[in-house]
Structure formats: C-alpha cells, structure tokens
Amino acid sequence: MFGRFIGENKYLIFAPAKEYIWLVAACVFGGAAVAVWGGATQSFYFTCLGVAVCMAGVWGAASLHWISFNLRERVYTRRQGPGLFPRTYRGSFKDLEVIFLMTEQRFIAGQVTYRLLLQWRAHKEPPMVLQQTYFILSPGMPLNYGAGPLFHLGSKASQALGIPIVDNAHYASANPVSIVTR
C-alpha cells in the first residue's frame, strides 16, 4: 500500500499502487476475453486459462486492503479482510492512537523491512500496516539507515491525523500483523 494526499489535502489514502489495480483489472478483463476467445475457437485450454486468470483477478480485486481518512470531517473508512468477505470499518480520528515506524530484519543478510503501523485506542480494531518498504543495508550500517523517507511520510500523516508517530526503526521488531488470526 502507498500513502498519498488527494484533493488539496482533503483526503489521506493508503491503498495499493495504481499499477497493481491496473494489473488486477487486466487479469479480470483479459482473462474474460481469453475465455470467450477460447470458447469461440473451441479451445478447452484457452477457455480454462482465461477463466483461471479472470478468477485470479476477481480474487485480487476482492482482497484489496485500503484505508481513507477524510481530513475535513475527521473520519476514516477502512477495508480489510480476506477474499470475498472483507470487513469495512468506519470511525472517528478520536479512535486512533499512534503510528509506529518499525524495522524487521529479514533472513537474508542485510535486508530489512520498514513498516508504518497504525494502532487504535484500546485495540478497537486490529493494527494495520499502512505502508512498507524494503532496504538492503551494507555491513556496519545502523538499522534505521533507510527509514528516512517512510518516517517523513509517517510524520506528515501523523500531523494530518493529529496523533503521534513513534520511531522504533533503530531496533528490530517482529512482523506486527499475524498472517493467521484466531
């Protein structure tokens, strides 16, 4: 996901990149076109291939996570969840607590992942990774060496939302969002 201000700073949106959305749309429409072409030419292979690509695009579209903040009305809308059954959360900026900048060391030597994590008050909602970026550190570099651009975005977002940002990029943390939920 990538953060951006829209409409003369009226909205702050963290959503997938436009190229990813174009790729999902190409899968849906391209897959459907190949399936129709395969049916017209009586090619079982291309019909099945087109249906599979189209369904992968539908699954990708249904799995998109995003959050938008209306900076004038001080409310947010969040869409998150697996596949065809995502949840939509709505709330006030009063529910937001803090943005964390975190660093996770990867298994490959020198590779780190920087994440902006949004935390809600009293754990009203599960934490959300707003944006992440990858960086390869040379030997001897501090962990937070490549965190500057993400910290800058997090600072602008925290200022717009009226919540603090906590820079924890100087030490390694585990992935803050579990893949498996209980």
N, C-alpha and C. Protein backbone atom coordinates (compact mmCIF):
# COMPACT_ATOMS: atom_id res chain seq x y z
N MET A 1 0.84 -1.17 0.00
CA MET A 1 0.00 0.00 0.00
C MET A 1 0.89 1.23 0.00
N PHE A 2 0.35 2.30 -0.57
CA PHE A 2 1.09 3.54 -0.67
C PHE A 2 0.21 4.69 -0.19
N GLY A 3 0.79 5.59 0.59
CA GLY A 3 0.05 6.72 1.11
C GLY A 3 0.16 7.92 0.19
N ARG A 4 -0.96 8.64 0.07
CA ARG A 4 -0.95 9.85 -0.75
C ARG A 4 -2.09 10.77 -0.30
N PHE A 5 -1.82 12.07 -0.40
CA PHE A 5 -2.85 13.08 -0.13
C PHE A 5 -3.58 13.36 -1.43
N ILE A 6 -4.90 13.54 -1.34
CA ILE A 6 -5.72 13.77 -2.53
C ILE A 6 -6.62 14.97 -2.28
N GLY A 7 -6.88 15.73 -3.32
CA GLY A 7 -7.84 16.83 -3.25
C GLY A 7 -7.43 17.95 -2.34
N GLU A 8 -6.26 18.55 -2.61
CA GLU A 8 -5.77 19.67 -1.83
C GLU A 8 -5.77 19.35 -0.34
N ASN A 9 -5.24 18.16 -0.03
CA ASN A 9 -5.10 17.68 1.34
C ASN A 9 -6.43 17.52 2.07
N LYS A 10 -7.50 17.19 1.33
CA LYS A 10 -8.78 16.89 1.95
C LYS A 10 -8.84 15.44 2.40
N TYR A 11 -8.12 14.56 1.69
CA TYR A 11 -8.14 13.13 1.98
C TYR A 11 -6.72 12.60 2.05
N LEU A 12 -6.51 11.64 2.93
CA LEU A 12 -5.28 10.88 3.01
C LEU A 12 -5.66 9.43 2.78
N ILE A 13 -5.07 8.81 1.78
CA ILE A 13 -5.45 7.44 1.43
C ILE A 13 -4.22 6.56 1.41
N PHE A 14 -4.32 5.41 2.05
CA PHE A 14 -3.32 4.35 1.95
C PHE A 14 -3.99 3.21 1.21
N ALA A 15 -3.56 2.97 -0.02
CA ALA A 15 -4.18 1.96 -0.88
C ALA A 15 -3.11 1.36 -1.78
N PRO A 16 -3.44 0.26 -2.44
CA PRO A 16 -2.47 -0.32 -3.38
C PRO A 16 -2.11 0.67 -4.48
N ALA A 17 -0.94 0.48 -5.05
CA ALA A 17 -0.48 1.34 -6.14
C ALA A 17 -1.41 1.22 -7.33
N LYS A 18 -1.49 2.27 -8.12
CA LYS A 18 -2.35 2.27 -9.30
C LYS A 18 -1.96 1.16 -10.26
N GLU A 19 -0.67 0.87 -10.36
CA GLU A 19 -0.22 -0.19 -11.27
C GLU A 19 -0.77 -1.55 -10.84
N TYR A 20 -0.87 -1.77 -9.52
CA TYR A 20 -1.43 -3.02 -9.04
C TYR A 20 -2.92 -3.12 -9.39
N ILE A 21 -3.62 -2.02 -9.26
CA ILE A 21 -5.05 -2.02 -9.60
C ILE A 21 -5.23 -2.24 -11.10
N TRP A 22 -4.34 -1.66 -11.92
CA TRP A 22 -4.40 -1.91 -13.37
C TRP A 22 -4.14 -3.37 -13.67
N LEU A 23 -3.18 -3.98 -12.96
CA LEU A 23 -2.88 -5.40 -13.16
C LEU A 23 -4.08 -6.27 -12.82
N VAL A 24 -4.75 -5.96 -11.72
CA VAL A 24 -5.95 -6.72 -11.33
C VAL A 24 -7.03 -6.57 -12.40
N ALA A 25 -7.24 -5.35 -12.88
CA ALA A 25 -8.25 -5.12 -13.93
C ALA A 25 -7.87 -5.85 -15.21
N ALA A 26 -6.58 -5.86 -15.55
CA ALA A 26 -6.15 -6.57 -16.75
C ALA A 26 -6.39 -8.06 -16.61
N CYS A 27 -6.19 -8.60 -15.43
CA CYS A 27 -6.46 -10.02 -15.21
C CYS A 27 -7.95 -10.33 -15.37
N VAL A 28 -8.81 -9.48 -14.80
CA VAL A 28 -10.25 -9.72 -14.89
C VAL A 28 -10.72 -9.63 -16.34
N PHE A 29 -10.42 -8.52 -16.99
CA PHE A 29 -10.94 -8.32 -18.35
C PHE A 29 -10.17 -9.14 -19.38
N GLY A 30 -8.85 -9.24 -19.22
CA GLY A 30 -8.06 -10.05 -20.15
C GLY A 30 -8.40 -11.52 -20.03
N GLY A 31 -8.57 -12.00 -18.80
CA GLY A 31 -8.96 -13.39 -18.59
C GLY A 31 -10.32 -13.69 -19.19
N ALA A 32 -11.26 -12.77 -19.01
CA ALA A 32 -12.59 -12.96 -19.60
C ALA A 32 -12.51 -12.98 -21.12
N ALA A 33 -11.70 -12.10 -21.71
CA ALA A 33 -11.55 -12.06 -23.17
C ALA A 33 -10.93 -13.35 -23.69
N VAL A 34 -9.91 -13.86 -23.00
CA VAL A 34 -9.27 -15.11 -23.43
C VAL A 34 -10.24 -16.28 -23.29
N ALA A 35 -11.06 -16.29 -22.23
CA ALA A 35 -12.05 -17.36 -22.06
C ALA A 35 -13.09 -17.33 -23.17
N VAL A 36 -13.55 -16.13 -23.53
CA VAL A 36 -14.53 -16.02 -24.63
C VAL A 36 -13.89 -16.44 -25.95
N TRP A 37 -12.66 -15.99 -26.19
CA TRP A 37 -11.95 -16.37 -27.42
C TRP A 37 -11.74 -17.89 -27.46
N GLY A 38 -11.35 -18.47 -26.32
CA GLY A 38 -11.17 -19.93 -26.26
C GLY A 38 -12.47 -20.67 -26.53
N GLY A 39 -13.58 -20.14 -26.03
CA GLY A 39 -14.88 -20.76 -26.31
C GLY A 39 -15.26 -20.62 -27.76
N ALA A 40 -14.95 -19.47 -28.36
CA ALA A 40 -15.29 -19.25 -29.78
C ALA A 40 -14.46 -20.14 -30.70
N THR A 41 -13.20 -20.38 -30.32
CA THR A 41 -12.33 -21.23 -31.16
C THR A 41 -12.36 -22.69 -30.70
N GLN A 42 -13.18 -23.00 -29.74
CA GLN A 42 -13.33 -24.35 -29.18
C GLN A 42 -12.01 -24.89 -28.65
N SER A 43 -11.27 -24.03 -27.99
CA SER A 43 -10.01 -24.42 -27.36
C SER A 43 -10.24 -24.56 -25.86
N PHE A 44 -10.28 -25.79 -25.40
CA PHE A 44 -10.51 -26.06 -23.98
C PHE A 44 -9.40 -25.43 -23.12
N TYR A 45 -8.17 -25.51 -23.61
CA TYR A 45 -7.02 -24.97 -22.88
C TYR A 45 -7.18 -23.47 -22.64
N PHE A 46 -7.47 -22.69 -23.71
CA PHE A 46 -7.57 -21.24 -23.56
C PHE A 46 -8.83 -20.84 -22.78
N THR A 47 -9.88 -21.64 -22.87
CA THR A 47 -11.07 -21.35 -22.08
C THR A 47 -10.76 -21.50 -20.59
N CYS A 48 -10.10 -22.60 -20.22
CA CYS A 48 -9.74 -22.82 -18.82
C CYS A 48 -8.72 -21.79 -18.34
N LEU A 49 -7.73 -21.47 -19.17
CA LEU A 49 -6.74 -20.48 -18.82
C LEU A 49 -7.39 -19.11 -18.58
N GLY A 50 -8.29 -18.72 -19.48
CA GLY A 50 -8.97 -17.43 -19.34
C GLY A 50 -9.82 -17.37 -18.08
N VAL A 51 -10.54 -18.44 -17.78
CA VAL A 51 -11.36 -18.48 -16.56
C VAL A 51 -10.47 -18.39 -15.33
N ALA A 52 -9.33 -19.12 -15.33
CA ALA A 52 -8.43 -19.10 -14.17
C ALA A 52 -7.84 -17.70 -13.96
N VAL A 53 -7.40 -17.05 -15.03
CA VAL A 53 -6.83 -15.71 -14.91
C VAL A 53 -7.90 -14.71 -14.46
N CYS A 54 -9.09 -14.84 -15.00
CA CYS A 54 -10.20 -13.96 -14.61
C CYS A 54 -10.53 -14.13 -13.13
N MET A 55 -10.60 -15.37 -12.66
CA MET A 55 -10.90 -15.63 -11.25
C MET A 55 -9.79 -15.13 -10.34
N ALA A 56 -8.53 -15.25 -10.80
CA ALA A 56 -7.42 -14.71 -10.02
C ALA A 56 -7.56 -13.19 -9.90
N GLY A 57 -7.98 -12.53 -10.96
CA GLY A 57 -8.20 -11.09 -10.92
C GLY A 57 -9.34 -10.71 -10.00
N VAL A 58 -10.42 -11.49 -10.02
CA VAL A 58 -11.55 -11.24 -9.13
C VAL A 58 -11.11 -11.41 -7.68
N TRP A 59 -10.35 -12.46 -7.40
CA TRP A 59 -9.85 -12.68 -6.03
C TRP A 59 -8.93 -11.53 -5.61
N GLY A 60 -8.06 -11.09 -6.52
CA GLY A 60 -7.17 -9.96 -6.21
C GLY A 60 -7.96 -8.69 -5.94
N ALA A 61 -9.01 -8.44 -6.72
CA ALA A 61 -9.83 -7.24 -6.50
C ALA A 61 -10.58 -7.32 -5.18
N ALA A 62 -11.05 -8.51 -4.84
CA ALA A 62 -11.80 -8.67 -3.60
C ALA A 62 -10.89 -8.61 -2.37
N SER A 63 -9.60 -8.84 -2.55
CA SER A 63 -8.67 -8.87 -1.42
C SER A 63 -7.93 -7.56 -1.19
N LEU A 64 -8.28 -6.51 -1.90
CA LEU A 64 -7.59 -5.23 -1.73
C LEU A 64 -7.87 -4.64 -0.35
N HIS A 65 -6.81 -4.21 0.31
CA HIS A 65 -6.91 -3.54 1.60
C HIS A 65 -6.65 -2.06 1.39
N TRP A 66 -7.38 -1.21 2.07
CA TRP A 66 -7.13 0.22 1.99
C TRP A 66 -7.75 0.92 3.19
N ILE A 67 -7.30 2.13 3.43
CA ILE A 67 -7.90 2.99 4.44
C ILE A 67 -7.87 4.41 3.91
N SER A 68 -8.96 5.12 4.08
CA SER A 68 -9.01 6.52 3.65
C SER A 68 -9.44 7.37 4.84
N PHE A 69 -8.80 8.52 4.94
CA PHE A 69 -9.07 9.46 6.02
C PHE A 69 -9.64 10.74 5.41
N ASN A 70 -10.82 11.13 5.85
CA ASN A 70 -11.40 12.40 5.44
C ASN A 70 -10.91 13.44 6.45
N LEU A 71 -9.98 14.27 6.02
CA LEU A 71 -9.33 15.21 6.94
C LEU A 71 -10.22 16.38 7.34
N ARG A 72 -11.24 16.65 6.58
CA ARG A 72 -12.17 17.74 6.94
C ARG A 72 -13.18 17.27 7.98
N GLU A 73 -13.77 16.08 7.76
CA GLU A 73 -14.79 15.57 8.68
C GLU A 73 -14.20 14.77 9.83
N ARG A 74 -12.87 14.48 9.77
CA ARG A 74 -12.15 13.76 10.82
C ARG A 74 -12.70 12.35 11.04
N VAL A 75 -12.98 11.64 9.94
CA VAL A 75 -13.44 10.26 9.99
C VAL A 75 -12.61 9.42 9.04
N TYR A 76 -12.62 8.10 9.26
CA TYR A 76 -11.89 7.18 8.38
C TYR A 76 -12.80 6.04 7.95
N THR A 77 -12.43 5.42 6.84
CA THR A 77 -13.08 4.21 6.35
C THR A 77 -11.97 3.23 6.01
N ARG A 78 -12.09 2.02 6.53
CA ARG A 78 -11.06 1.00 6.35
C ARG A 78 -11.69 -0.26 5.79
N ARG A 79 -11.05 -0.83 4.78
CA ARG A 79 -11.50 -2.10 4.20
C ARG A 79 -10.36 -3.09 4.36
N GLN A 80 -10.65 -4.18 5.05
CA GLN A 80 -9.62 -5.19 5.27
C GLN A 80 -10.28 -6.54 5.51
N GLY A 81 -9.64 -7.56 5.00
CA GLY A 81 -10.13 -8.90 5.22
C GLY A 81 -9.83 -9.78 4.04
N PRO A 82 -9.95 -11.07 4.23
CA PRO A 82 -9.59 -12.00 3.16
C PRO A 82 -10.67 -12.16 2.11
N GLY A 83 -10.24 -12.21 0.87
CA GLY A 83 -11.08 -12.64 -0.24
C GLY A 83 -12.39 -11.93 -0.40
N LEU A 84 -13.43 -12.72 -0.55
CA LEU A 84 -14.74 -12.18 -0.88
C LEU A 84 -15.52 -11.68 0.34
N PHE A 85 -14.95 -11.80 1.54
CA PHE A 85 -15.67 -11.41 2.74
C PHE A 85 -14.88 -10.40 3.58
N PRO A 86 -14.51 -9.26 2.99
CA PRO A 86 -13.77 -8.27 3.77
C PRO A 86 -14.69 -7.51 4.72
N ARG A 87 -14.09 -6.90 5.73
CA ARG A 87 -14.85 -6.08 6.66
C ARG A 87 -14.57 -4.62 6.37
N THR A 88 -15.57 -3.81 6.53
CA THR A 88 -15.42 -2.37 6.39
C THR A 88 -15.64 -1.75 7.76
N TYR A 89 -14.65 -1.00 8.21
CA TYR A 89 -14.72 -0.31 9.49
C TYR A 89 -14.85 1.18 9.22
N ARG A 90 -15.60 1.86 10.06
CA ARG A 90 -15.70 3.31 9.99
C ARG A 90 -15.56 3.85 11.40
N GLY A 91 -14.97 5.02 11.51
CA GLY A 91 -14.81 5.60 12.83
C GLY A 91 -14.28 7.01 12.78
N SER A 92 -14.05 7.53 13.96
CA SER A 92 -13.57 8.89 14.13
C SER A 92 -12.06 8.88 14.39
N PHE A 93 -11.42 10.01 14.13
CA PHE A 93 -10.00 10.14 14.42
C PHE A 93 -9.73 9.98 15.92
N LYS A 94 -10.75 10.18 16.77
CA LYS A 94 -10.58 10.00 18.21
C LYS A 94 -10.23 8.56 18.56
N ASP A 95 -10.57 7.61 17.67
CA ASP A 95 -10.27 6.20 17.92
C ASP A 95 -8.82 5.84 17.62
N LEU A 96 -8.11 6.70 16.90
CA LEU A 96 -6.73 6.42 16.51
C LEU A 96 -5.79 6.78 17.65
N GLU A 97 -4.74 5.96 17.85
CA GLU A 97 -3.83 6.22 18.96
C GLU A 97 -2.45 6.69 18.51
N VAL A 98 -1.78 5.92 17.64
CA VAL A 98 -0.39 6.23 17.31
C VAL A 98 0.00 5.54 15.99
N ILE A 99 0.99 6.11 15.32
CA ILE A 99 1.62 5.47 14.17
C ILE A 99 3.02 5.07 14.60
N PHE A 100 3.36 3.80 14.40
CA PHE A 100 4.70 3.30 14.71
C PHE A 100 5.49 3.14 13.42
N LEU A 101 6.77 3.47 13.47
CA LEU A 101 7.71 3.12 12.40
C LEU A 101 8.53 1.97 12.95
N MET A 102 8.43 0.81 12.30
CA MET A 102 9.08 -0.40 12.80
C MET A 102 10.04 -0.96 11.77
N THR A 103 11.02 -1.72 12.24
CA THR A 103 12.00 -2.38 11.38
C THR A 103 11.98 -3.87 11.66
N GLU A 104 11.95 -4.66 10.60
CA GLU A 104 12.05 -6.11 10.74
C GLU A 104 13.25 -6.57 9.94
N GLN A 105 14.15 -7.32 10.59
CA GLN A 105 15.28 -7.89 9.88
C GLN A 105 14.81 -9.15 9.18
N ARG A 106 15.23 -9.30 7.92
CA ARG A 106 14.85 -10.46 7.12
C ARG A 106 15.91 -11.54 7.26
N PHE A 107 15.64 -12.70 6.70
CA PHE A 107 16.56 -13.83 6.79
C PHE A 107 17.82 -13.61 5.95
N ILE A 108 17.68 -12.86 4.87
CA ILE A 108 18.83 -12.57 4.02
C ILE A 108 19.65 -11.49 4.70
N ALA A 109 20.95 -11.69 4.77
CA ALA A 109 21.82 -10.76 5.49
C ALA A 109 21.69 -9.34 4.94
N GLY A 110 21.44 -8.41 5.83
CA GLY A 110 21.37 -7.01 5.47
C GLY A 110 20.03 -6.52 4.98
N GLN A 111 19.08 -7.41 4.71
CA GLN A 111 17.78 -6.97 4.20
C GLN A 111 16.84 -6.66 5.36
N VAL A 112 16.20 -5.49 5.30
CA VAL A 112 15.25 -5.08 6.33
C VAL A 112 13.95 -4.61 5.68
N THR A 113 12.89 -4.68 6.45
CA THR A 113 11.59 -4.18 6.04
C THR A 113 11.19 -3.09 7.02
N TYR A 114 10.88 -1.90 6.50
CA TYR A 114 10.39 -0.80 7.32
C TYR A 114 8.88 -0.74 7.14
N ARG A 115 8.15 -0.57 8.24
CA ARG A 115 6.69 -0.52 8.19
C ARG A 115 6.15 0.65 9.00
N LEU A 116 5.11 1.28 8.46
CA LEU A 116 4.30 2.23 9.22
C LEU A 116 3.08 1.46 9.71
N LEU A 117 2.88 1.41 11.00
CA LEU A 117 1.79 0.63 11.60
C LEU A 117 0.86 1.57 12.35
N LEU A 118 -0.42 1.49 12.04
CA LEU A 118 -1.43 2.31 12.72
C LEU A 118 -2.07 1.49 13.84
N GLN A 119 -2.09 2.08 15.04
CA GLN A 119 -2.65 1.41 16.22
C GLN A 119 -3.88 2.19 16.69
N TRP A 120 -4.94 1.47 17.06
CA TRP A 120 -6.17 2.09 17.56
C TRP A 120 -6.17 2.10 19.08
N ARG A 121 -6.91 3.05 19.66
CA ARG A 121 -7.06 3.12 21.11
C ARG A 121 -7.81 1.88 21.62
N ALA A 122 -7.36 1.37 22.74
CA ALA A 122 -7.99 0.22 23.40
C ALA A 122 -8.16 -0.96 22.45
N HIS A 123 -7.31 -1.04 21.44
CA HIS A 123 -7.34 -2.13 20.45
C HIS A 123 -8.74 -2.32 19.87
N LYS A 124 -9.39 -1.20 19.55
CA LYS A 124 -10.75 -1.24 18.98
C LYS A 124 -10.77 -2.02 17.68
N GLU A 125 -9.72 -1.89 16.89
CA GLU A 125 -9.57 -2.63 15.64
C GLU A 125 -8.18 -3.23 15.60
N PRO A 126 -7.97 -4.24 14.76
CA PRO A 126 -6.63 -4.79 14.65
C PRO A 126 -5.67 -3.77 14.05
N PRO A 127 -4.38 -3.83 14.42
CA PRO A 127 -3.41 -2.90 13.83
C PRO A 127 -3.35 -3.05 12.32
N MET A 128 -2.98 -1.98 11.63
CA MET A 128 -2.93 -2.01 10.17
C MET A 128 -1.59 -1.47 9.68
N VAL A 129 -0.96 -2.24 8.81
CA VAL A 129 0.27 -1.77 8.17
C VAL A 129 -0.16 -0.79 7.08
N LEU A 130 0.22 0.48 7.24
CA LEU A 130 -0.16 1.50 6.27
C LEU A 130 0.73 1.44 5.03
N GLN A 131 2.01 1.27 5.25
CA GLN A 131 2.94 1.21 4.12
C GLN A 131 4.19 0.49 4.59
N GLN A 132 4.83 -0.21 3.66
CA GLN A 132 6.10 -0.84 3.98
C GLN A 132 7.05 -0.70 2.81
N THR A 133 8.32 -0.73 3.13
CA THR A 133 9.35 -0.63 2.11
C THR A 133 10.51 -1.53 2.51
N TYR A 134 11.27 -1.94 1.52
CA TYR A 134 12.40 -2.85 1.75
C TYR A 134 13.70 -2.11 1.47
N PHE A 135 14.74 -2.52 2.19
CA PHE A 135 16.03 -1.87 2.04
C PHE A 135 17.12 -2.89 2.32
N ILE A 136 18.24 -2.79 1.62
CA ILE A 136 19.38 -3.66 1.88
C ILE A 136 20.49 -2.81 2.50
N LEU A 137 20.89 -3.22 3.69
CA LEU A 137 21.91 -2.49 4.44
C LEU A 137 23.28 -3.11 4.19
N SER A 138 24.27 -2.29 4.01
CA SER A 138 25.65 -2.76 3.94
C SER A 138 26.13 -3.05 5.36
N PRO A 139 27.15 -3.89 5.50
CA PRO A 139 27.66 -4.18 6.84
C PRO A 139 28.08 -2.89 7.57
N GLY A 140 27.70 -2.79 8.82
CA GLY A 140 28.05 -1.64 9.64
C GLY A 140 27.02 -0.52 9.64
N MET A 141 26.04 -0.57 8.75
CA MET A 141 25.01 0.47 8.72
C MET A 141 24.02 0.25 9.87
N PRO A 142 23.54 1.32 10.49
CA PRO A 142 22.51 1.16 11.53
C PRO A 142 21.19 0.71 10.91
N LEU A 143 20.36 0.05 11.72
CA LEU A 143 19.09 -0.48 11.22
C LEU A 143 18.18 0.59 10.62
N ASN A 144 18.21 1.79 11.17
CA ASN A 144 17.30 2.84 10.71
C ASN A 144 17.87 3.66 9.55
N TYR A 145 18.93 3.21 8.93
CA TYR A 145 19.60 3.98 7.88
C TYR A 145 18.65 4.33 6.72
N GLY A 146 17.81 3.41 6.27
CA GLY A 146 16.94 3.65 5.13
C GLY A 146 15.53 4.03 5.48
N ALA A 147 15.25 4.34 6.74
CA ALA A 147 13.89 4.60 7.19
C ALA A 147 13.44 6.04 6.98
N GLY A 148 14.33 6.92 6.54
CA GLY A 148 14.01 8.35 6.42
C GLY A 148 12.79 8.69 5.59
N PRO A 149 12.68 8.19 4.33
CA PRO A 149 11.50 8.54 3.52
C PRO A 149 10.19 8.06 4.14
N LEU A 150 10.19 6.87 4.74
CA LEU A 150 8.97 6.37 5.35
C LEU A 150 8.64 7.16 6.62
N PHE A 151 9.67 7.57 7.36
CA PHE A 151 9.45 8.41 8.54
C PHE A 151 8.86 9.76 8.13
N HIS A 152 9.33 10.31 7.01
CA HIS A 152 8.79 11.59 6.52
C HIS A 152 7.30 11.46 6.19
N LEU A 153 6.93 10.39 5.48
CA LEU A 153 5.52 10.16 5.16
C LEU A 153 4.71 9.94 6.44
N GLY A 154 5.25 9.15 7.37
CA GLY A 154 4.55 8.92 8.63
C GLY A 154 4.38 10.19 9.43
N SER A 155 5.37 11.07 9.40
CA SER A 155 5.26 12.35 10.11
C SER A 155 4.17 13.23 9.51
N LYS A 156 4.11 13.29 8.18
CA LYS A 156 3.06 14.07 7.53
C LYS A 156 1.68 13.50 7.85
N ALA A 157 1.57 12.16 7.83
CA ALA A 157 0.28 11.52 8.13
C ALA A 157 -0.11 11.76 9.59
N SER A 158 0.83 11.60 10.51
CA SER A 158 0.51 11.79 11.92
C SER A 158 0.11 13.24 12.21
N GLN A 159 0.75 14.18 11.54
CA GLN A 159 0.39 15.58 11.72
C GLN A 159 -1.02 15.83 11.19
N ALA A 160 -1.35 15.26 10.03
CA ALA A 160 -2.69 15.45 9.46
C ALA A 160 -3.77 14.78 10.31
N LEU A 161 -3.44 13.65 10.94
CA LEU A 161 -4.41 12.91 11.74
C LEU A 161 -4.46 13.39 13.19
N GLY A 162 -3.46 14.16 13.61
CA GLY A 162 -3.44 14.66 14.98
C GLY A 162 -3.04 13.60 16.00
N ILE A 163 -2.21 12.64 15.60
CA ILE A 163 -1.73 11.60 16.51
C ILE A 163 -0.21 11.57 16.44
N PRO A 164 0.44 11.02 17.46
CA PRO A 164 1.91 11.00 17.44
C PRO A 164 2.45 9.88 16.56
N ILE A 165 3.71 10.03 16.17
CA ILE A 165 4.44 8.96 15.49
C ILE A 165 5.58 8.55 16.42
N VAL A 166 5.77 7.24 16.56
CA VAL A 166 6.84 6.70 17.40
C VAL A 166 7.83 6.01 16.48
N ASP A 167 9.07 6.49 16.50
CA ASP A 167 10.12 5.95 15.64
C ASP A 167 10.85 4.82 16.36
N ASN A 168 10.49 3.58 16.03
CA ASN A 168 11.16 2.41 16.59
C ASN A 168 12.04 1.74 15.55
N ALA A 169 12.49 2.48 14.57
CA ALA A 169 13.26 1.90 13.47
C ALA A 169 14.68 1.56 13.87
N HIS A 170 15.12 2.00 15.03
CA HIS A 170 16.51 1.77 15.44
C HIS A 170 16.74 0.38 16.02
N TYR A 171 15.67 -0.39 16.28
CA TYR A 171 15.86 -1.77 16.73
C TYR A 171 14.87 -2.69 16.00
N ALA A 172 15.25 -3.95 15.88
CA ALA A 172 14.47 -4.92 15.12
C ALA A 172 13.24 -5.36 15.90
N SER A 173 12.12 -5.49 15.18
CA SER A 173 10.87 -5.97 15.74
C SER A 173 10.36 -7.10 14.86
N ALA A 174 9.47 -7.91 15.40
CA ALA A 174 8.84 -8.96 14.61
C ALA A 174 7.75 -8.34 13.74
N ASN A 175 7.26 -9.08 12.77
CA ASN A 175 6.15 -8.63 11.94
C ASN A 175 4.96 -8.34 12.85
N PRO A 176 4.41 -7.12 12.82
CA PRO A 176 3.37 -6.76 13.78
C PRO A 176 2.00 -7.33 13.47
N VAL A 177 1.78 -7.80 12.26
CA VAL A 177 0.46 -8.30 11.88
C VAL A 177 0.59 -9.78 11.55
N SER A 178 -0.12 -10.59 12.29
CA SER A 178 -0.06 -12.03 12.10
C SER A 178 -0.79 -12.43 10.82
N ILE A 179 -0.24 -13.41 10.13
CA ILE A 179 -0.91 -13.92 8.93
C ILE A 179 -2.14 -14.72 9.31
N VAL A 180 -2.06 -15.47 10.39
CA VAL A 180 -3.15 -16.31 10.85
C VAL A 180 -3.80 -15.59 12.03
N THR A 181 -5.12 -15.39 11.95
CA THR A 181 -5.84 -14.76 13.05
C THR A 181 -6.63 -15.82 13.78
N ARG A 182 -6.81 -15.61 15.06
CA ARG A 182 -7.53 -16.60 15.87
C ARG A 182 -8.85 -16.07 16.28
